[in-house]
Amino acid sequence: MIRIACSDSEASCLIASLITEIAMPCPCEGGPLRICGTGPDGAPAEVRILGGGVYEIISTHAPLAGHD
């Protein structure tokens, strides 16, 4: 898991780069807003939007620049 803080415009670019195919949403489970799907390498990817410009990137094999 990687936790980052960024602006909304940076997050839009980041999420579009990490999730190339969005999965159908799960039934309501509570917790933070999540976007799940498949990354560019075919691996599962999930982004949790925690609020206040904080995001968690989970379950992706695609490395982020500067976050290896």
C-alpha atoms as a PDB file:
ATOM      1  CA  MET A   1       0.000   0.000   0.000  1.00  0.00           C
ATOM      2  CA  ILE A   2       1.136   3.503  -0.792  1.00  0.00           C
ATOM      3  CA  ARG A   3      -0.500   6.543   0.826  1.00  0.00           C
ATOM      4  CA  ILE A   4      -0.111   9.891  -0.918  1.00  0.00           C
ATOM      5  CA  ALA A   5      -1.454  13.419  -0.633  1.00  0.00           C
ATOM      6  CA  CYS A   6      -2.160  15.330  -3.829  1.00  0.00           C
ATOM      7  CA  SER A   7      -4.476  17.856  -5.443  1.00  0.00           C
ATOM      8  CA  ASP A   8      -7.704  16.804  -7.172  1.00  0.00           C
ATOM      9  CA  SER A   9      -6.169  17.386 -10.621  1.00  0.00           C
ATOM     10  CA  GLU A  10      -3.118  15.265  -9.736  1.00  0.00           C
ATOM     11  CA  ALA A  11      -5.425  12.546  -8.396  1.00  0.00           C
ATOM     12  CA  SER A  12      -7.408  12.516 -11.666  1.00  0.00           C
ATOM     13  CA  CYS A  13      -4.216  11.803 -13.625  1.00  0.00           C
ATOM     14  CA  LEU A  14      -2.971   9.272 -11.087  1.00  0.00           C
ATOM     15  CA  ILE A  15      -6.215   7.263 -10.936  1.00  0.00           C
ATOM     16  CA  ALA A  16      -6.534   7.194 -14.729  1.00  0.00           C
ATOM     17  CA  SER A  17      -2.958   5.894 -14.970  1.00  0.00           C
ATOM     18  CA  LEU A  18      -3.418   3.185 -12.319  1.00  0.00           C
ATOM     19  CA  ILE A  19      -6.847   1.818 -13.257  1.00  0.00           C
ATOM     20  CA  THR A  20      -7.381   1.156 -16.944  1.00  0.00           C
ATOM     21  CA  GLU A  21     -10.580  -0.891 -16.556  1.00  0.00           C
ATOM     22  CA  ILE A  22     -13.004  -0.118 -13.725  1.00  0.00           C
ATOM     23  CA  ALA A  23     -14.780  -3.040 -12.039  1.00  0.00           C
ATOM     24  CA  MET A  24     -18.452  -3.020 -11.116  1.00  0.00           C
ATOM     25  CA  PRO A  25     -18.875  -1.526  -7.648  1.00  0.00           C
ATOM     26  CA  CYS A  26     -19.269  -3.834  -4.685  1.00  0.00           C
ATOM     27  CA  PRO A  27     -22.406  -3.701  -2.550  1.00  0.00           C
ATOM     28  CA  CYS A  28     -22.247  -1.066   0.153  1.00  0.00           C
ATOM     29  CA  GLU A  29     -19.616  -2.184   2.637  1.00  0.00           C
ATOM     30  CA  GLY A  30     -18.989   1.094   4.418  1.00  0.00           C
ATOM     31  CA  GLY A  31     -15.555   2.641   4.745  1.00  0.00           C
ATOM     32  CA  PRO A  32     -13.828   5.026   2.353  1.00  0.00           C
ATOM     33  CA  LEU A  33     -14.821   5.592  -1.266  1.00  0.00           C
ATOM     34  CA  ARG A  34     -13.012   2.977  -3.402  1.00  0.00           C
ATOM     35  CA  ILE A  35     -12.322   2.656  -7.112  1.00  0.00           C
ATOM     36  CA  CYS A  36     -11.386  -0.914  -8.058  1.00  0.00           C
ATOM     37  CA  GLY A  37     -10.395  -2.446 -11.349  1.00  0.00           C
ATOM     38  CA  THR A  38      -7.501  -3.645 -13.439  1.00  0.00           C
ATOM     39  CA  GLY A  39      -4.166  -1.868 -13.828  1.00  0.00           C
ATOM     40  CA  PRO A  40      -2.259  -1.444 -17.099  1.00  0.00           C
ATOM     41  CA  ASP A  41      -0.305  -4.650 -16.390  1.00  0.00           C
ATOM     42  CA  GLY A  42      -3.495  -6.686 -15.849  1.00  0.00           C
ATOM     43  CA  ALA A  43      -3.068  -6.858 -12.058  1.00  0.00           C
ATOM     44  CA  PRO A  44      -5.897  -5.889  -9.675  1.00  0.00           C
ATOM     45  CA  ALA A  45      -5.756  -2.249  -8.614  1.00  0.00           C
ATOM     46  CA  GLU A  46      -7.617  -0.277  -5.966  1.00  0.00           C
ATOM     47  CA  VAL A  47      -7.571   3.393  -4.992  1.00  0.00           C
ATOM     48  CA  ARG A  48      -9.159   4.468  -1.704  1.00  0.00           C
ATOM     49  CA  ILE A  49     -10.159   8.100  -1.412  1.00  0.00           C
ATOM     50  CA  LEU A  50      -9.738   9.014   2.254  1.00  0.00           C
ATOM     51  CA  GLY A  51     -10.597  12.707   1.994  1.00  0.00           C
ATOM     52  CA  GLY A  52      -8.546  15.836   2.506  1.00  0.00           C
ATOM     53  CA  GLY A  53      -6.466  15.062  -0.589  1.00  0.00           C
ATOM     54  CA  VAL A  54      -5.218  11.732   0.839  1.00  0.00           C
ATOM     55  CA  TYR A  55      -5.346   8.584  -1.312  1.00  0.00           C
ATOM     56  CA  GLU A  56      -4.246   4.986  -0.756  1.00  0.00           C
ATOM     57  CA  ILE A  57      -3.106   2.877  -3.702  1.00  0.00           C
ATOM     58  CA  ILE A  58      -3.543  -0.831  -3.023  1.00  0.00           C
ATOM     59  CA  SER A  59      -3.021  -4.066  -4.946  1.00  0.00           C
ATOM     60  CA  THR A  60      -1.251  -2.829  -8.022  1.00  0.00           C
ATOM     61  CA  HIS A  61       1.981  -4.071  -9.558  1.00  0.00           C
ATOM     62  CA  ALA A  62       2.538  -0.808 -11.445  1.00  0.00           C
ATOM     63  CA  PRO A  63       5.176   1.179  -9.474  1.00  0.00           C
ATOM     64  CA  LEU A  64       4.755   4.886  -8.915  1.00  0.00           C
ATOM     65  CA  ALA A  65       7.688   7.079  -9.812  1.00  0.00           C
ATOM     66  CA  GLY A  66       9.610   7.777  -6.629  1.00  0.00           C
ATOM     67  CA  HIS A  67       7.627   5.195  -4.628  1.00  0.00           C
ATOM     68  CA  ASP A  68       9.393   1.886  -5.361  1.00  0.00           C
END
